[in-house]
Each structure stands twice: as structure tokens, then as C-alpha cells.
Amino acid sequence: MSNHVFTIMALDELTLGMAGLRALADRRADGDATPALFLRAERSGVSELIEALVAGVTDCVRKPVRAEHVAAKLLDLATSRPRSPRS
């Protein structure tokens, strides 16, 4: 993931788990400010939310979630948050 430029990142806790959050934290450490939406598992608790926020997620939604809700969040991230260029 570190060699790619993204407009938005969507990370699914059930698909990527902690590996996705570690990759996001690495990108943040490299100065990447790409907005990141974290799709939380229905069973995830406060500790998982805190880990995601510490890793640098921009926004979170908990599953189950309607596709329209995810689409609205992604649109908001794409249009209302300025991106810093990567160095």
C-alpha cells in the first residue's frame, strides 16, 4: 500500500484487521494525509476505535451499515478535507 497514491482509503477491520491500521500508521508517519474511512466490525469495542484513531483514521462507521451511508462518508471525505501532498 505504501507505493500507491490514493484519493481516499477505506479500511475494513474484518478484511485487513490490524495490518491495515499498521499500514495506515506507516503512511501517516511518512506524511500522508489521505483521508481514511475505517469500517468497524459490529463486535468491535472502544479499544478498537481508539487503535484506529491513533493509527490516523479520519472517520469511522460501524457495521452493519447501508451502502448509501458509506458512499456519503466517502463523498464527504473526498470533497471536504484538504489533502497534503506526499513528500
N, C-alpha and C. Protein backbone atom coordinates (compact mmCIF):
# COMPACT_ATOMS: atom_id res chain seq x y z
N MET A 1 0.81 -1.18 0.00
CA MET A 1 0.00 0.00 0.00
C MET A 1 0.86 1.26 0.00
N SER A 2 2.08 1.21 0.48
CA SER A 2 2.89 2.41 0.65
C SER A 2 3.37 3.03 -0.66
N ASN A 3 3.36 2.31 -1.76
CA ASN A 3 3.84 2.86 -3.02
C ASN A 3 2.73 3.45 -3.87
N HIS A 4 1.52 3.47 -3.40
CA HIS A 4 0.39 3.93 -4.17
C HIS A 4 -0.11 5.28 -3.64
N VAL A 5 -0.65 6.09 -4.55
CA VAL A 5 -1.27 7.35 -4.17
C VAL A 5 -2.77 7.14 -4.24
N PHE A 6 -3.47 7.48 -3.18
CA PHE A 6 -4.90 7.29 -3.10
C PHE A 6 -5.59 8.63 -2.90
N THR A 7 -6.85 8.73 -3.35
CA THR A 7 -7.68 9.89 -3.06
C THR A 7 -8.32 9.71 -1.70
N ILE A 8 -8.78 8.50 -1.45
CA ILE A 8 -9.39 8.11 -0.17
C ILE A 8 -8.98 6.67 0.10
N MET A 9 -8.80 6.35 1.37
CA MET A 9 -8.57 4.96 1.75
C MET A 9 -9.77 4.48 2.57
N ALA A 10 -10.26 3.30 2.27
CA ALA A 10 -11.31 2.67 3.06
C ALA A 10 -10.73 1.37 3.61
N LEU A 11 -10.67 1.28 4.92
CA LEU A 11 -10.08 0.12 5.58
C LEU A 11 -11.17 -0.64 6.31
N ASP A 12 -11.27 -1.93 6.05
CA ASP A 12 -12.27 -2.77 6.67
C ASP A 12 -11.61 -3.59 7.77
N GLU A 13 -12.10 -3.44 8.98
CA GLU A 13 -11.50 -4.13 10.12
C GLU A 13 -11.50 -5.64 9.93
N LEU A 14 -12.57 -6.19 9.36
CA LEU A 14 -12.65 -7.64 9.19
C LEU A 14 -11.75 -8.15 8.08
N THR A 15 -11.48 -7.33 7.08
CA THR A 15 -10.64 -7.76 5.97
C THR A 15 -9.16 -7.55 6.27
N LEU A 16 -8.83 -6.36 6.74
CA LEU A 16 -7.42 -6.03 6.94
C LEU A 16 -6.97 -6.13 8.39
N GLY A 17 -7.88 -5.97 9.31
CA GLY A 17 -7.54 -6.03 10.73
C GLY A 17 -6.44 -5.05 11.10
N MET A 18 -5.58 -5.48 11.98
CA MET A 18 -4.51 -4.62 12.46
C MET A 18 -3.48 -4.32 11.37
N ALA A 19 -3.34 -5.20 10.40
CA ALA A 19 -2.38 -4.95 9.31
C ALA A 19 -2.75 -3.67 8.57
N GLY A 20 -4.02 -3.44 8.35
CA GLY A 20 -4.47 -2.22 7.68
C GLY A 20 -4.18 -0.98 8.51
N LEU A 21 -4.38 -1.08 9.82
CA LEU A 21 -4.10 0.07 10.68
C LEU A 21 -2.60 0.33 10.79
N ARG A 22 -1.80 -0.73 10.79
CA ARG A 22 -0.34 -0.54 10.81
C ARG A 22 0.11 0.14 9.52
N ALA A 23 -0.44 -0.30 8.39
CA ALA A 23 -0.09 0.32 7.11
C ALA A 23 -0.50 1.79 7.10
N LEU A 24 -1.68 2.09 7.65
CA LEU A 24 -2.13 3.48 7.72
C LEU A 24 -1.21 4.29 8.62
N ALA A 25 -0.84 3.75 9.77
CA ALA A 25 0.06 4.46 10.68
C ALA A 25 1.40 4.75 10.01
N ASP A 26 1.90 3.78 9.22
CA ASP A 26 3.16 3.99 8.49
C ASP A 26 3.01 5.12 7.48
N ARG A 27 1.88 5.14 6.76
CA ARG A 27 1.65 6.22 5.78
C ARG A 27 1.57 7.57 6.49
N ARG A 28 0.89 7.61 7.63
CA ARG A 28 0.79 8.86 8.39
C ARG A 28 2.18 9.32 8.84
N ALA A 29 3.00 8.39 9.27
CA ALA A 29 4.36 8.73 9.71
C ALA A 29 5.19 9.28 8.56
N ASP A 30 4.87 8.86 7.33
CA ASP A 30 5.56 9.36 6.14
C ASP A 30 4.97 10.68 5.63
N GLY A 31 3.97 11.21 6.35
CA GLY A 31 3.39 12.49 5.97
C GLY A 31 2.17 12.41 5.07
N ASP A 32 1.65 11.22 4.86
CA ASP A 32 0.47 11.05 4.00
C ASP A 32 -0.78 11.43 4.78
N ALA A 33 -1.53 12.42 4.28
CA ALA A 33 -2.74 12.89 4.93
C ALA A 33 -4.00 12.46 4.17
N THR A 34 -3.90 11.44 3.32
CA THR A 34 -5.05 10.96 2.59
C THR A 34 -6.16 10.57 3.56
N PRO A 35 -7.39 11.06 3.34
CA PRO A 35 -8.49 10.70 4.23
C PRO A 35 -8.69 9.18 4.26
N ALA A 36 -8.98 8.66 5.45
CA ALA A 36 -9.15 7.22 5.62
C ALA A 36 -10.44 6.93 6.39
N LEU A 37 -11.31 6.15 5.78
CA LEU A 37 -12.54 5.71 6.43
C LEU A 37 -12.33 4.30 6.96
N PHE A 38 -12.65 4.09 8.22
CA PHE A 38 -12.47 2.78 8.85
C PHE A 38 -13.84 2.16 9.06
N LEU A 39 -14.04 0.99 8.46
CA LEU A 39 -15.29 0.24 8.61
C LEU A 39 -15.11 -0.73 9.77
N ARG A 40 -15.76 -0.42 10.87
CA ARG A 40 -15.60 -1.20 12.09
C ARG A 40 -16.53 -2.40 12.11
N ALA A 41 -16.05 -3.49 12.68
CA ALA A 41 -16.88 -4.68 12.85
C ALA A 41 -17.95 -4.41 13.89
N GLU A 42 -19.08 -5.08 13.74
CA GLU A 42 -20.19 -4.89 14.66
C GLU A 42 -19.77 -5.19 16.10
N ARG A 43 -18.89 -6.14 16.26
CA ARG A 43 -18.47 -6.56 17.60
C ARG A 43 -17.33 -5.71 18.18
N SER A 44 -16.76 -4.82 17.39
CA SER A 44 -15.61 -4.07 17.89
C SER A 44 -16.04 -3.08 18.96
N GLY A 45 -15.13 -2.86 19.87
CA GLY A 45 -15.43 -2.00 21.01
C GLY A 45 -14.61 -0.73 21.00
N VAL A 46 -14.57 -0.10 22.15
CA VAL A 46 -13.89 1.18 22.30
C VAL A 46 -12.39 1.03 22.05
N SER A 47 -11.79 -0.08 22.48
CA SER A 47 -10.34 -0.23 22.31
C SER A 47 -9.97 -0.26 20.82
N GLU A 48 -10.79 -0.93 19.99
CA GLU A 48 -10.52 -0.96 18.55
C GLU A 48 -10.70 0.42 17.93
N LEU A 49 -11.68 1.16 18.40
CA LEU A 49 -11.89 2.53 17.92
C LEU A 49 -10.69 3.40 18.27
N ILE A 50 -10.19 3.28 19.49
CA ILE A 50 -9.03 4.06 19.91
C ILE A 50 -7.81 3.70 19.07
N GLU A 51 -7.60 2.40 18.82
CA GLU A 51 -6.47 1.98 17.99
C GLU A 51 -6.57 2.59 16.59
N ALA A 52 -7.79 2.61 16.04
CA ALA A 52 -7.99 3.18 14.71
C ALA A 52 -7.70 4.68 14.71
N LEU A 53 -8.17 5.38 15.71
CA LEU A 53 -7.92 6.82 15.79
C LEU A 53 -6.44 7.12 15.97
N VAL A 54 -5.76 6.35 16.79
CA VAL A 54 -4.32 6.53 17.00
C VAL A 54 -3.57 6.26 15.70
N ALA A 55 -4.03 5.29 14.92
CA ALA A 55 -3.39 4.97 13.64
C ALA A 55 -3.58 6.09 12.62
N GLY A 56 -4.62 6.91 12.81
CA GLY A 56 -4.81 8.05 11.92
C GLY A 56 -6.03 8.02 11.04
N VAL A 57 -7.05 7.21 11.39
CA VAL A 57 -8.26 7.23 10.57
C VAL A 57 -8.93 8.60 10.65
N THR A 58 -9.58 8.98 9.57
CA THR A 58 -10.26 10.27 9.50
C THR A 58 -11.69 10.16 10.01
N ASP A 59 -12.32 9.02 9.72
CA ASP A 59 -13.72 8.81 10.10
C ASP A 59 -13.96 7.32 10.24
N CYS A 60 -14.97 6.96 11.01
CA CYS A 60 -15.32 5.55 11.24
C CYS A 60 -16.82 5.34 11.08
N VAL A 61 -17.18 4.15 10.64
CA VAL A 61 -18.57 3.70 10.69
C VAL A 61 -18.57 2.26 11.19
N ARG A 62 -19.61 1.93 11.93
CA ARG A 62 -19.72 0.57 12.45
C ARG A 62 -20.71 -0.22 11.61
N LYS A 63 -20.33 -1.44 11.29
CA LYS A 63 -21.21 -2.34 10.55
C LYS A 63 -22.25 -2.91 11.50
N PRO A 64 -23.40 -3.31 11.02
CA PRO A 64 -23.82 -3.21 9.63
C PRO A 64 -24.13 -1.76 9.27
N VAL A 65 -23.81 -1.41 8.05
CA VAL A 65 -24.03 -0.04 7.58
C VAL A 65 -24.56 -0.11 6.15
N ARG A 66 -25.45 0.79 5.84
CA ARG A 66 -26.01 0.82 4.48
C ARG A 66 -24.97 1.36 3.50
N ALA A 67 -24.99 0.83 2.29
CA ALA A 67 -24.05 1.28 1.26
C ALA A 67 -24.16 2.77 1.02
N GLU A 68 -25.37 3.31 1.11
CA GLU A 68 -25.58 4.74 0.91
C GLU A 68 -24.85 5.57 1.97
N HIS A 69 -24.79 5.06 3.19
CA HIS A 69 -24.09 5.75 4.27
C HIS A 69 -22.59 5.77 4.00
N VAL A 70 -22.05 4.64 3.58
CA VAL A 70 -20.62 4.58 3.24
C VAL A 70 -20.32 5.51 2.07
N ALA A 71 -21.18 5.49 1.05
CA ALA A 71 -20.97 6.36 -0.11
C ALA A 71 -20.99 7.83 0.30
N ALA A 72 -21.90 8.20 1.20
CA ALA A 72 -21.97 9.59 1.67
C ALA A 72 -20.71 9.96 2.45
N LYS A 73 -20.23 9.06 3.28
CA LYS A 73 -18.99 9.33 4.04
C LYS A 73 -17.80 9.50 3.08
N LEU A 74 -17.70 8.62 2.08
CA LEU A 74 -16.60 8.72 1.12
C LEU A 74 -16.67 10.01 0.33
N LEU A 75 -17.86 10.40 -0.08
CA LEU A 75 -18.03 11.66 -0.80
C LEU A 75 -17.62 12.84 0.07
N ASP A 76 -18.03 12.81 1.32
CA ASP A 76 -17.65 13.88 2.24
C ASP A 76 -16.13 13.95 2.39
N LEU A 77 -15.50 12.82 2.56
CA LEU A 77 -14.04 12.80 2.70
C LEU A 77 -13.35 13.30 1.44
N ALA A 78 -13.90 12.97 0.29
CA ALA A 78 -13.28 13.37 -0.98
C ALA A 78 -13.44 14.85 -1.27
N THR A 79 -14.48 15.46 -0.75
CA THR A 79 -14.77 16.84 -1.14
C THR A 79 -14.53 17.89 -0.05
N SER A 80 -14.43 17.48 1.20
CA SER A 80 -14.34 18.50 2.24
C SER A 80 -13.07 18.51 3.05
N ARG A 81 -12.17 17.61 2.78
CA ARG A 81 -10.93 17.56 3.56
C ARG A 81 -9.74 17.79 2.63
N PRO A 82 -8.99 18.85 2.87
CA PRO A 82 -7.82 19.06 2.02
C PRO A 82 -6.77 17.97 2.22
N ARG A 83 -6.10 17.61 1.15
CA ARG A 83 -5.04 16.60 1.20
C ARG A 83 -3.70 17.28 1.15
N SER A 84 -2.79 16.82 1.97
CA SER A 84 -1.41 17.29 1.91
C SER A 84 -0.65 16.42 0.92
N PRO A 85 0.16 17.03 0.05
CA PRO A 85 0.93 16.21 -0.88
C PRO A 85 1.96 15.38 -0.15
N ARG A 86 2.22 14.19 -0.68
CA ARG A 86 3.26 13.33 -0.08
C ARG A 86 4.61 13.87 -0.46
N SER A 87 5.56 13.70 0.42
CA SER A 87 6.92 14.16 0.12
C SER A 87 7.72 13.11 -0.59
